[in-house]
Amino acid sequence: GWCPLSPAGAQSSQLLVEPPWIPAVLWDRVTLTCQGSGTAGATTWYRNRQRWWTEGPEQLNVTESGTYQCDRPGTGLSHAVSVVNDWLVLQVPVRELLEGDMVTLRCRG
């Protein structure tokens, strides 16, 4: 399941993560997809707040830990997604959570 990290209607690019858990874990073979207006090949990727790949693809298979963002022309910078390579990680589903919601947590190692 693909899950957006931004609320619907936000004026920013949407950065989708698969598998849909945060923080993402490098050993899960994480795929990030940038959605927004404009041409897919015009995607700019940022890693650790630094411009990392200009005119990149809309989909990225992550091979290094870090904090990722994307930008599509006319849509703006996405929220950040952390990809970690820790031995033990507590994850939550990628979805908007409201007070009182039931949530499944995953402890992975």
PDB file of N, CA and C in Angstrom:
ATOM      1  N   GLY A   1       0.794  -1.197   0.000  1.00  0.00           N
ATOM      2  CA  GLY A   1       0.000   0.000   0.000  1.00  0.00           C
ATOM      3  C   GLY A   1       0.829   1.249   0.000  1.00  0.00           C
ATOM      4  N   TRP A   2       0.498   2.144  -0.921  1.00  0.00           N
ATOM      5  CA  TRP A   2       1.163   3.445  -0.980  1.00  0.00           C
ATOM      6  C   TRP A   2       0.430   4.402  -0.063  1.00  0.00           C
ATOM      7  N   CYS A   3       1.177   5.155   0.719  1.00  0.00           N
ATOM      8  CA  CYS A   3       0.554   6.075   1.663  1.00  0.00           C
ATOM      9  C   CYS A   3       1.228   7.429   1.581  1.00  0.00           C
ATOM     10  N   PRO A   4       0.472   8.500   1.394  1.00  0.00           N
ATOM     11  CA  PRO A   4       1.075   9.835   1.353  1.00  0.00           C
ATOM     12  C   PRO A   4       1.495  10.291   2.739  1.00  0.00           C
ATOM     13  N   LEU A   5       2.540  11.113   2.767  1.00  0.00           N
ATOM     14  CA  LEU A   5       2.995  11.684   4.036  1.00  0.00           C
ATOM     15  C   LEU A   5       2.488  13.103   4.219  1.00  0.00           C
ATOM     16  N   SER A   6       1.719  13.620   3.264  1.00  0.00           N
ATOM     17  CA  SER A   6       1.157  14.961   3.367  1.00  0.00           C
ATOM     18  C   SER A   6      -0.354  14.859   3.306  1.00  0.00           C
ATOM     19  N   PRO A   7      -1.062  15.732   4.007  1.00  0.00           N
ATOM     20  CA  PRO A   7      -2.519  15.713   3.924  1.00  0.00           C
ATOM     21  C   PRO A   7      -2.994  16.001   2.503  1.00  0.00           C
ATOM     22  N   ALA A   8      -4.146  15.475   2.144  1.00  0.00           N
ATOM     23  CA  ALA A   8      -4.700  15.702   0.813  1.00  0.00           C
ATOM     24  C   ALA A   8      -4.889  17.192   0.580  1.00  0.00           C
ATOM     25  N   GLY A   9      -4.556  17.638  -0.623  1.00  0.00           N
ATOM     26  CA  GLY A   9      -4.748  19.031  -0.976  1.00  0.00           C
ATOM     27  C   GLY A   9      -3.591  19.940  -0.602  1.00  0.00           C
ATOM     28  N   ALA A  10      -2.550  19.390   0.034  1.00  0.00           N
ATOM     29  CA  ALA A  10      -1.415  20.224   0.410  1.00  0.00           C
ATOM     30  C   ALA A  10      -0.679  20.686  -0.843  1.00  0.00           C
ATOM     31  N   GLN A  11      -0.123  21.906  -0.796  1.00  0.00           N
ATOM     32  CA  GLN A  11       0.599  22.455  -1.930  1.00  0.00           C
ATOM     33  C   GLN A  11       2.059  22.048  -1.849  1.00  0.00           C
ATOM     34  N   SER A  12       2.316  20.756  -1.881  1.00  0.00           N
ATOM     35  CA  SER A  12       3.676  20.245  -1.878  1.00  0.00           C
ATOM     36  C   SER A  12       3.686  18.930  -2.635  1.00  0.00           C
ATOM     37  N   SER A  13       4.882  18.523  -3.050  1.00  0.00           N
ATOM     38  CA  SER A  13       5.015  17.220  -3.672  1.00  0.00           C
ATOM     39  C   SER A  13       4.683  16.157  -2.628  1.00  0.00           C
ATOM     40  N   GLN A  14       4.191  15.014  -3.085  1.00  0.00           N
ATOM     41  CA  GLN A  14       3.868  13.908  -2.189  1.00  0.00           C
ATOM     42  C   GLN A  14       4.996  12.889  -2.266  1.00  0.00           C
ATOM     43  N   LEU A  15       5.578  12.543  -1.132  1.00  0.00           N
ATOM     44  CA  LEU A  15       6.631  11.538  -1.085  1.00  0.00           C
ATOM     45  C   LEU A  15       6.035  10.281  -0.467  1.00  0.00           C
ATOM     46  N   LEU A  16       5.906   9.245  -1.274  1.00  0.00           N
ATOM     47  CA  LEU A  16       5.298   7.986  -0.847  1.00  0.00           C
ATOM     48  C   LEU A  16       6.394   6.991  -0.513  1.00  0.00           C
ATOM     49  N   VAL A  17       6.144   6.192   0.510  1.00  0.00           N
ATOM     50  CA  VAL A  17       7.156   5.229   0.956  1.00  0.00           C
ATOM     51  C   VAL A  17       6.572   3.817   0.949  1.00  0.00           C
ATOM     52  N   GLU A  18       7.370   2.881   0.500  1.00  0.00           N
ATOM     53  CA  GLU A  18       6.996   1.475   0.463  1.00  0.00           C
ATOM     54  C   GLU A  18       8.184   0.656   0.957  1.00  0.00           C
ATOM     55  N   PRO A  19       8.018  -0.225   1.960  1.00  0.00           N
ATOM     56  CA  PRO A  19       6.797  -0.507   2.701  1.00  0.00           C
ATOM     57  C   PRO A  19       6.348   0.702   3.525  1.00  0.00           C
ATOM     58  N   PRO A  20       5.030   0.793   3.782  1.00  0.00           N
ATOM     59  CA  PRO A  20       4.451   2.015   4.367  1.00  0.00           C
ATOM     60  C   PRO A  20       4.587   2.127   5.894  1.00  0.00           C
ATOM     61  N   TRP A  21       5.833   2.159   6.371  1.00  0.00           N
ATOM     62  CA  TRP A  21       6.124   2.320   7.798  1.00  0.00           C
ATOM     63  C   TRP A  21       7.196   3.379   7.968  1.00  0.00           C
ATOM     64  N   ILE A  22       7.105   4.152   9.068  1.00  0.00           N
ATOM     65  CA  ILE A  22       8.145   5.128   9.366  1.00  0.00           C
ATOM     66  C   ILE A  22       8.638   4.948  10.805  1.00  0.00           C
ATOM     67  N   PRO A  23       9.944   5.165  11.047  1.00  0.00           N
ATOM     68  CA  PRO A  23      10.910   5.456  10.001  1.00  0.00           C
ATOM     69  C   PRO A  23      11.106   4.249   9.092  1.00  0.00           C
ATOM     70  N   ALA A  24      11.437   4.516   7.830  1.00  0.00           N
ATOM     71  CA  ALA A  24      11.738   3.428   6.906  1.00  0.00           C
ATOM     72  C   ALA A  24      13.076   2.805   7.321  1.00  0.00           C
ATOM     73  N   VAL A  25      13.213   1.504   7.048  1.00  0.00           N
ATOM     74  CA  VAL A  25      14.417   0.776   7.449  1.00  0.00           C
ATOM     75  C   VAL A  25      15.143   0.307   6.200  1.00  0.00           C
ATOM     76  N   LEU A  26      16.415   0.635   6.093  1.00  0.00           N
ATOM     77  CA  LEU A  26      17.189   0.353   4.892  1.00  0.00           C
ATOM     78  C   LEU A  26      17.113  -1.113   4.479  1.00  0.00           C
ATOM     79  N   TRP A  27      17.132  -2.014   5.451  1.00  0.00           N
ATOM     80  CA  TRP A  27      17.119  -3.436   5.103  1.00  0.00           C
ATOM     81  C   TRP A  27      15.758  -3.936   4.643  1.00  0.00           C
ATOM     82  N   ASP A  28      14.759  -3.063   4.521  1.00  0.00           N
ATOM     83  CA  ASP A  28      13.453  -3.418   3.947  1.00  0.00           C
ATOM     84  C   ASP A  28      13.397  -3.170   2.436  1.00  0.00           C
ATOM     85  N   ARG A  29      14.490  -2.751   1.825  1.00  0.00           N
ATOM     86  CA  ARG A  29      14.509  -2.403   0.401  1.00  0.00           C
ATOM     87  C   ARG A  29      13.464  -1.322   0.103  1.00  0.00           C
ATOM     88  N   VAL A  30      13.681  -0.181   0.670  1.00  0.00           N
ATOM     89  CA  VAL A  30      12.740   0.944   0.624  1.00  0.00           C
ATOM     90  C   VAL A  30      12.684   1.573  -0.773  1.00  0.00           C
ATOM     91  N   THR A  31      11.455   1.842  -1.226  1.00  0.00           N
ATOM     92  CA  THR A  31      11.228   2.569  -2.476  1.00  0.00           C
ATOM     93  C   THR A  31      10.483   3.850  -2.153  1.00  0.00           C
ATOM     94  N   LEU A  32      10.990   4.970  -2.650  1.00  0.00           N
ATOM     95  CA  LEU A  32      10.321   6.259  -2.499  1.00  0.00           C
ATOM     96  C   LEU A  32       9.794   6.690  -3.867  1.00  0.00           C
ATOM     97  N   THR A  33       8.576   7.227  -3.883  1.00  0.00           N
ATOM     98  CA  THR A  33       7.979   7.728  -5.113  1.00  0.00           C
ATOM     99  C   THR A  33       7.534   9.165  -4.895  1.00  0.00           C
ATOM    100  N   CYS A  34       7.944  10.038  -5.817  1.00  0.00           N
ATOM    101  CA  CYS A  34       7.586  11.448  -5.733  1.00  0.00           C
ATOM    102  C   CYS A  34       6.430  11.728  -6.683  1.00  0.00           C
ATOM    103  N   GLN A  35       5.343  12.246  -6.148  1.00  0.00           N
ATOM    104  CA  GLN A  35       4.180  12.581  -6.963  1.00  0.00           C
ATOM    105  C   GLN A  35       3.924  14.079  -6.904  1.00  0.00           C
ATOM    106  N   GLY A  36       3.570  14.643  -8.053  1.00  0.00           N
ATOM    107  CA  GLY A  36       3.264  16.062  -8.124  1.00  0.00           C
ATOM    108  C   GLY A  36       3.035  16.448  -9.566  1.00  0.00           C
ATOM    109  N   SER A  37       2.841  17.720  -9.801  1.00  0.00           N
ATOM    110  CA  SER A  37       2.626  18.190 -11.165  1.00  0.00           C
ATOM    111  C   SER A  37       3.952  18.200 -11.915  1.00  0.00           C
ATOM    112  N   GLY A  38       3.890  18.413 -13.202  1.00  0.00           N
ATOM    113  CA  GLY A  38       5.099  18.491 -14.004  1.00  0.00           C
ATOM    114  C   GLY A  38       5.579  17.132 -14.476  1.00  0.00           C
ATOM    115  N   THR A  39       6.670  17.143 -15.196  1.00  0.00           N
ATOM    116  CA  THR A  39       7.237  15.938 -15.789  1.00  0.00           C
ATOM    117  C   THR A  39       7.939  15.096 -14.742  1.00  0.00           C
ATOM    118  N   ALA A  40       7.712  13.778 -14.786  1.00  0.00           N
ATOM    119  CA  ALA A  40       8.325  12.877 -13.813  1.00  0.00           C
ATOM    120  C   ALA A  40       9.850  12.973 -13.847  1.00  0.00           C
ATOM    121  N   GLY A  41      10.434  13.098 -15.040  1.00  0.00           N
ATOM    122  CA  GLY A  41      11.884  13.168 -15.179  1.00  0.00           C
ATOM    123  C   GLY A  41      12.491  14.459 -14.678  1.00  0.00           C
ATOM    124  N   ALA A  42      11.660  15.405 -14.256  1.00  0.00           N
ATOM    125  CA  ALA A  42      12.154  16.682 -13.741  1.00  0.00           C
ATOM    126  C   ALA A  42      12.209  16.686 -12.217  1.00  0.00           C
ATOM    127  N   THR A  43      12.127  15.522 -11.599  1.00  0.00           N
ATOM    128  CA  THR A  43      12.137  15.417 -10.140  1.00  0.00           C
ATOM    129  C   THR A  43      13.522  15.757  -9.595  1.00  0.00           C
ATOM    130  N   THR A  44      13.554  16.595  -8.565  1.00  0.00           N
ATOM    131  CA  THR A  44      14.794  16.876  -7.844  1.00  0.00           C
ATOM    132  C   THR A  44      14.725  16.176  -6.489  1.00  0.00           C
ATOM    133  N   TRP A  45      15.760  15.414  -6.187  1.00  0.00           N
ATOM    134  CA  TRP A  45      15.840  14.681  -4.920  1.00  0.00           C
ATOM    135  C   TRP A  45      16.832  15.357  -3.986  1.00  0.00           C
ATOM    136  N   TYR A  46      16.499  15.357  -2.695  1.00  0.00           N
ATOM    137  CA  TYR A  46      17.376  15.887  -1.650  1.00  0.00           C
ATOM    138  C   TYR A  46      17.671  14.780  -0.659  1.00  0.00           C
ATOM    139  N   ARG A  47      18.919  14.720  -0.232  1.00  0.00           N
ATOM    140  CA  ARG A  47      19.317  13.767   0.810  1.00  0.00           C
ATOM    141  C   ARG A  47      20.044  14.560   1.894  1.00  0.00           C
ATOM    142  N   ASN A  48      19.561  14.410   3.130  1.00  0.00           N
ATOM    143  CA  ASN A  48      20.127  15.150   4.263  1.00  0.00           C
ATOM    144  C   ASN A  48      20.149  16.654   4.001  1.00  0.00           C
ATOM    145  N   ARG A  49      19.027  17.143   3.428  1.00  0.00           N
ATOM    146  CA  ARG A  49      18.782  18.575   3.172  1.00  0.00           C
ATOM    147  C   ARG A  49      19.667  19.163   2.065  1.00  0.00           C
ATOM    148  N   GLN A  50      20.438  18.323   1.376  1.00  0.00           N
ATOM    149  CA  GLN A  50      21.301  18.791   0.291  1.00  0.00           C
ATOM    150  C   GLN A  50      20.752  18.293  -1.050  1.00  0.00           C
ATOM    151  N   ARG A  51      20.799  19.140  -2.075  1.00  0.00           N
ATOM    152  CA  ARG A  51      20.385  18.705  -3.408  1.00  0.00           C
ATOM    153  C   ARG A  51      21.271  17.531  -3.806  1.00  0.00           C
ATOM    154  N   TRP A  52      20.641  16.430  -4.216  1.00  0.00           N
ATOM    155  CA  TRP A  52      21.364  15.181  -4.403  1.00  0.00           C
ATOM    156  C   TRP A  52      21.251  14.653  -5.826  1.00  0.00           C
ATOM    157  N   TRP A  53      20.093  14.880  -6.474  1.00  0.00           N
ATOM    158  CA  TRP A  53      19.887  14.365  -7.823  1.00  0.00           C
ATOM    159  C   TRP A  53      18.910  15.282  -8.546  1.00  0.00           C
ATOM    160  N   THR A  54      19.404  15.963  -9.585  1.00  0.00           N
ATOM    161  CA  THR A  54      18.572  16.856 -10.378  1.00  0.00           C
ATOM    162  C   THR A  54      18.131  16.117 -11.632  1.00  0.00           C
ATOM    163  N   GLU A  55      16.889  16.369 -12.056  1.00  0.00           N
ATOM    164  CA  GLU A  55      16.298  15.688 -13.205  1.00  0.00           C
ATOM    165  C   GLU A  55      16.342  14.169 -13.025  1.00  0.00           C
ATOM    166  N   GLY A  56      16.028  13.758 -11.811  1.00  0.00           N
ATOM    167  CA  GLY A  56      16.014  12.332 -11.493  1.00  0.00           C
ATOM    168  C   GLY A  56      14.666  11.704 -11.789  1.00  0.00           C
ATOM    169  N   PRO A  57      14.563  10.389 -11.587  1.00  0.00           N
ATOM    170  CA  PRO A  57      13.309   9.673 -11.824  1.00  0.00           C
ATOM    171  C   PRO A  57      12.303   9.966 -10.720  1.00  0.00           C
ATOM    172  N   GLU A  58      11.032   9.628 -10.962  1.00  0.00           N
ATOM    173  CA  GLU A  58      10.030   9.852  -9.909  1.00  0.00           C
ATOM    174  C   GLU A  58      10.094   8.771  -8.839  1.00  0.00           C
ATOM    175  N   GLN A  59      10.742   7.634  -9.130  1.00  0.00           N
ATOM    176  CA  GLN A  59      10.834   6.542  -8.154  1.00  0.00           C
ATOM    177  C   GLN A  59      12.301   6.264  -7.856  1.00  0.00           C
ATOM    178  N   LEU A  60      12.586   6.032  -6.564  1.00  0.00           N
ATOM    179  CA  LEU A  60      13.959   5.864  -6.102  1.00  0.00           C
ATOM    180  C   LEU A  60      14.041   4.656  -5.194  1.00  0.00           C
ATOM    181  N   ASN A  61      14.957   3.732  -5.514  1.00  0.00           N
ATOM    182  CA  ASN A  61      15.245   2.609  -4.622  1.00  0.00           C
ATOM    183  C   ASN A  61      16.381   3.048  -3.706  1.00  0.00           C
ATOM    184  N   VAL A  62      16.102   3.143  -2.407  1.00  0.00           N
ATOM    185  CA  VAL A  62      17.047   3.721  -1.455  1.00  0.00           C
ATOM    186  C   VAL A  62      18.123   2.699  -1.086  1.00  0.00           C
ATOM    187  N   THR A  63      19.393   3.118  -1.184  1.00  0.00           N
ATOM    188  CA  THR A  63      20.511   2.238  -0.850  1.00  0.00           C
ATOM    189  C   THR A  63      21.379   2.799   0.280  1.00  0.00           C
ATOM    190  N   GLU A  64      21.047   4.007   0.745  1.00  0.00           N
ATOM    191  CA  GLU A  64      21.800   4.628   1.836  1.00  0.00           C
ATOM    192  C   GLU A  64      20.830   5.244   2.833  1.00  0.00           C
ATOM    193  N   SER A  65      21.196   5.170   4.108  1.00  0.00           N
ATOM    194  CA  SER A  65      20.357   5.809   5.119  1.00  0.00           C
ATOM    195  C   SER A  65      20.463   7.325   4.971  1.00  0.00           C
ATOM    196  N   GLY A  66      19.479   8.026   5.493  1.00  0.00           N
ATOM    197  CA  GLY A  66      19.465   9.481   5.423  1.00  0.00           C
ATOM    198  C   GLY A  66      18.047  10.007   5.451  1.00  0.00           C
ATOM    199  N   THR A  67      17.912  11.314   5.307  1.00  0.00           N
ATOM    200  CA  THR A  67      16.615  11.976   5.252  1.00  0.00           C
ATOM    201  C   THR A  67      16.383  12.433   3.824  1.00  0.00           C
ATOM    202  N   TYR A  68      15.281  11.969   3.219  1.00  0.00           N
ATOM    203  CA  TYR A  68      15.011  12.215   1.807  1.00  0.00           C
ATOM    204  C   TYR A  68      13.813  13.137   1.624  1.00  0.00           C
ATOM    205  N   GLN A  69      13.913  14.002   0.602  1.00  0.00           N
ATOM    206  CA  GLN A  69      12.809  14.847   0.165  1.00  0.00           C
ATOM    207  C   GLN A  69      12.851  14.909  -1.361  1.00  0.00           C
ATOM    208  N   CYS A  70      11.727  15.290  -1.952  1.00  0.00           N
ATOM    209  CA  CYS A  70      11.704  15.465  -3.405  1.00  0.00           C
ATOM    210  C   CYS A  70      10.959  16.738  -3.752  1.00  0.00           C
ATOM    211  N   ASP A  71      11.171  17.188  -4.980  1.00  0.00           N
ATOM    212  CA  ASP A  71      10.541  18.407  -5.472  1.00  0.00           C
ATOM    213  C   ASP A  71      10.180  18.185  -6.932  1.00  0.00           C
ATOM    214  N   ARG A  72       8.917  18.455  -7.262  1.00  0.00           N
ATOM    215  CA  ARG A  72       8.465  18.402  -8.652  1.00  0.00           C
ATOM    216  C   ARG A  72       8.130  19.826  -9.076  1.00  0.00           C
ATOM    217  N   PRO A  73       8.426  20.206 -10.323  1.00  0.00           N
ATOM    218  CA  PRO A  73       8.176  21.583 -10.769  1.00  0.00           C
ATOM    219  C   PRO A  73       6.737  22.018 -10.530  1.00  0.00           C
ATOM    220  N   GLY A  74       6.582  23.174  -9.942  1.00  0.00           N
ATOM    221  CA  GLY A  74       5.263  23.743  -9.714  1.00  0.00           C
ATOM    222  C   GLY A  74       4.524  23.184  -8.521  1.00  0.00           C
ATOM    223  N   THR A  75       5.117  22.228  -7.826  1.00  0.00           N
ATOM    224  CA  THR A  75       4.422  21.607  -6.687  1.00  0.00           C
ATOM    225  C   THR A  75       5.101  21.921  -5.367  1.00  0.00           C
ATOM    226  N   GLY A  76       6.405  21.988  -5.344  1.00  0.00           N
ATOM    227  CA  GLY A  76       7.117  22.340  -4.122  1.00  0.00           C
ATOM    228  C   GLY A  76       7.722  21.144  -3.416  1.00  0.00           C
ATOM    229  N   LEU A  77       8.491  21.440  -2.391  1.00  0.00           N
ATOM    230  CA  LEU A  77       9.256  20.434  -1.650  1.00  0.00           C
ATOM    231  C   LEU A  77       8.348  19.556  -0.804  1.00  0.00           C
ATOM    232  N   SER A  78       8.627  18.261  -0.808  1.00  0.00           N
ATOM    233  CA  SER A  78       7.838  17.301  -0.026  1.00  0.00           C
ATOM    234  C   SER A  78       8.243  17.328   1.448  1.00  0.00           C
ATOM    235  N   HIS A  79       7.474  16.620   2.258  1.00  0.00           N
ATOM    236  CA  HIS A  79       7.891  16.348   3.624  1.00  0.00           C
ATOM    237  C   HIS A  79       9.113  15.426   3.586  1.00  0.00           C
ATOM    238  N   ALA A  80       9.825  15.360   4.691  1.00  0.00           N
ATOM    239  CA  ALA A  80      11.019  14.522   4.777  1.00  0.00           C
ATOM    240  C   ALA A  80      10.656  13.104   5.212  1.00  0.00           C
ATOM    241  N   VAL A  81      11.383  12.138   4.670  1.00  0.00           N
ATOM    242  CA  VAL A  81      11.255  10.736   5.067  1.00  0.00           C
ATOM    243  C   VAL A  81      12.622  10.268   5.561  1.00  0.00           C
ATOM    244  N   SER A  82      12.666   9.746   6.780  1.00  0.00           N
ATOM    245  CA  SER A  82      13.916   9.215   7.320  1.00  0.00           C
ATOM    246  C   SER A  82      14.039   7.743   6.976  1.00  0.00           C
ATOM    247  N   VAL A  83      15.214   7.378   6.486  1.00  0.00           N
ATOM    248  CA  VAL A  83      15.546   5.972   6.232  1.00  0.00           C
ATOM    249  C   VAL A  83      16.733   5.658   7.128  1.00  0.00           C
ATOM    250  N   VAL A  84      16.542   4.702   8.045  1.00  0.00           N
ATOM    251  CA  VAL A  84      17.561   4.396   9.047  1.00  0.00           C
ATOM    252  C   VAL A  84      18.135   3.000   8.804  1.00  0.00           C
ATOM    253  N   ASN A  85      19.289   2.758   9.399  1.00  0.00           N
ATOM    254  CA  ASN A  85      19.929   1.446   9.297  1.00  0.00           C
ATOM    255  C   ASN A  85      20.272   0.948  10.702  1.00  0.00           C
ATOM    256  N   ASP A  86      19.343   1.192  11.641  1.00  0.00           N
ATOM    257  CA  ASP A  86      19.571   0.812  13.033  1.00  0.00           C
ATOM    258  C   ASP A  86      19.288  -0.665  13.250  1.00  0.00           C
ATOM    259  N   TRP A  87      19.823  -1.214  14.352  1.00  0.00           N
ATOM    260  CA  TRP A  87      19.603  -2.617  14.691  1.00  0.00           C
ATOM    261  C   TRP A  87      18.208  -2.847  15.260  1.00  0.00           C
ATOM    262  N   LEU A  88      17.667  -1.843  15.936  1.00  0.00           N
ATOM    263  CA  LEU A  88      16.353  -1.979  16.564  1.00  0.00           C
ATOM    264  C   LEU A  88      15.545  -0.712  16.265  1.00  0.00           C
ATOM    265  N   VAL A  89      14.351  -0.883  15.705  1.00  0.00           N
ATOM    266  CA  VAL A  89      13.556   0.265  15.259  1.00  0.00           C
ATOM    267  C   VAL A  89      12.108   0.092  15.679  1.00  0.00           C
ATOM    268  N   LEU A  90      11.498   1.163  16.218  1.00  0.00           N
ATOM    269  CA  LEU A  90      10.066   1.195  16.513  1.00  0.00           C
ATOM    270  C   LEU A  90       9.391   1.971  15.390  1.00  0.00           C
ATOM    271  N   GLN A  91       8.480   1.307  14.667  1.00  0.00           N
ATOM    272  CA  GLN A  91       7.841   1.914  13.497  1.00  0.00           C
ATOM    273  C   GLN A  91       6.359   2.132  13.731  1.00  0.00           C
ATOM    274  N   VAL A  92       5.821   3.148  13.026  1.00  0.00           N
ATOM    275  CA  VAL A  92       4.379   3.409  12.999  1.00  0.00           C
ATOM    276  C   VAL A  92       3.937   3.419  11.540  1.00  0.00           C
ATOM    277  N   PRO A  93       2.656   3.141  11.277  1.00  0.00           N
ATOM    278  CA  PRO A  93       2.178   3.177   9.895  1.00  0.00           C
ATOM    279  C   PRO A  93       2.252   4.586   9.324  1.00  0.00           C
ATOM    280  N   VAL A  94       2.470   4.668   8.015  1.00  0.00           N
ATOM    281  CA  VAL A  94       2.496   5.957   7.328  1.00  0.00           C
ATOM    282  C   VAL A  94       1.060   6.367   7.057  1.00  0.00           C
ATOM    283  N   ARG A  95       0.497   7.150   7.958  1.00  0.00           N
ATOM    284  CA  ARG A  95      -0.839   7.705   7.765  1.00  0.00           C
ATOM    285  C   ARG A  95      -1.042   8.784   8.812  1.00  0.00           C
ATOM    286  N   GLU A  96      -2.021   9.644   8.559  1.00  0.00           N
ATOM    287  CA  GLU A  96      -2.319  10.701   9.516  1.00  0.00           C
ATOM    288  C   GLU A  96      -2.940  10.074  10.755  1.00  0.00           C
ATOM    289  N   LEU A  97      -2.426  10.427  11.912  1.00  0.00           N
ATOM    290  CA  LEU A  97      -2.941   9.887  13.170  1.00  0.00           C
ATOM    291  C   LEU A  97      -3.602  11.002  13.971  1.00  0.00           C
ATOM    292  N   LEU A  98      -4.760  10.708  14.523  1.00  0.00           N
ATOM    293  CA  LEU A  98      -5.477  11.655  15.358  1.00  0.00           C
ATOM    294  C   LEU A  98      -5.579  11.097  16.768  1.00  0.00           C
ATOM    295  N   GLU A  99      -5.706  11.983  17.749  1.00  0.00           N
ATOM    296  CA  GLU A  99      -5.830  11.552  19.131  1.00  0.00           C
ATOM    297  C   GLU A  99      -7.006  10.595  19.267  1.00  0.00           C
ATOM    298  N   GLY A 100      -6.758   9.475  19.933  1.00  0.00           N
ATOM    299  CA  GLY A 100      -7.798   8.467  20.128  1.00  0.00           C
ATOM    300  C   GLY A 100      -7.771   7.353  19.103  1.00  0.00           C
ATOM    301  N   ASP A 101      -7.012   7.530  18.014  1.00  0.00           N
ATOM    302  CA  ASP A 101      -6.894   6.478  17.009  1.00  0.00           C
ATOM    303  C   ASP A 101      -6.181   5.255  17.585  1.00  0.00           C
ATOM    304  N   MET A 102      -6.619   4.092  17.160  1.00  0.00           N
ATOM    305  CA  MET A 102      -5.874   2.870  17.453  1.00  0.00           C
ATOM    306  C   MET A 102      -4.729   2.803  16.455  1.00  0.00           C
ATOM    307  N   VAL A 103      -3.550   2.440  16.918  1.00  0.00           N
ATOM    308  CA  VAL A 103      -2.399   2.377  16.023  1.00  0.00           C
ATOM    309  C   VAL A 103      -1.585   1.129  16.338  1.00  0.00           C
ATOM    310  N   THR A 104      -1.078   0.502  15.285  1.00  0.00           N
ATOM    311  CA  THR A 104      -0.215  -0.653  15.441  1.00  0.00           C
ATOM    312  C   THR A 104       1.231  -0.184  15.383  1.00  0.00           C
ATOM    313  N   LEU A 105       2.004  -0.556  16.381  1.00  0.00           N
ATOM    314  CA  LEU A 105       3.435  -0.253  16.409  1.00  0.00           C
ATOM    315  C   LEU A 105       4.205  -1.523  16.073  1.00  0.00           C
ATOM    316  N   ARG A 106       5.313  -1.365  15.385  1.00  0.00           N
ATOM    317  CA  ARG A 106       6.162  -2.523  15.079  1.00  0.00           C
ATOM    318  C   ARG A 106       7.538  -2.287  15.680  1.00  0.00           C
ATOM    319  N   CYS A 107       7.997  -3.239  16.464  1.00  0.00           N
ATOM    320  CA  CYS A 107       9.351  -3.219  16.996  1.00  0.00           C
ATOM    321  C   CYS A 107      10.143  -4.228  16.175  1.00  0.00           C
ATOM    322  N   ARG A 108      11.154  -3.740  15.453  1.00  0.00           N
ATOM    323  CA  ARG A 108      11.864  -4.607  14.526  1.00  0.00           C
ATOM    324  C   ARG A 108      13.352  -4.617  14.822  1.00  0.00           C
ATOM    325  N   GLY A 109      13.956  -5.756  14.634  1.00  0.00           N
ATOM    326  CA  GLY A 109      15.394  -5.877  14.853  1.00  0.00           C
ATOM    327  C   GLY A 109      15.972  -7.026  14.078  1.00  0.00           C
TER     328      GLY A 109
END
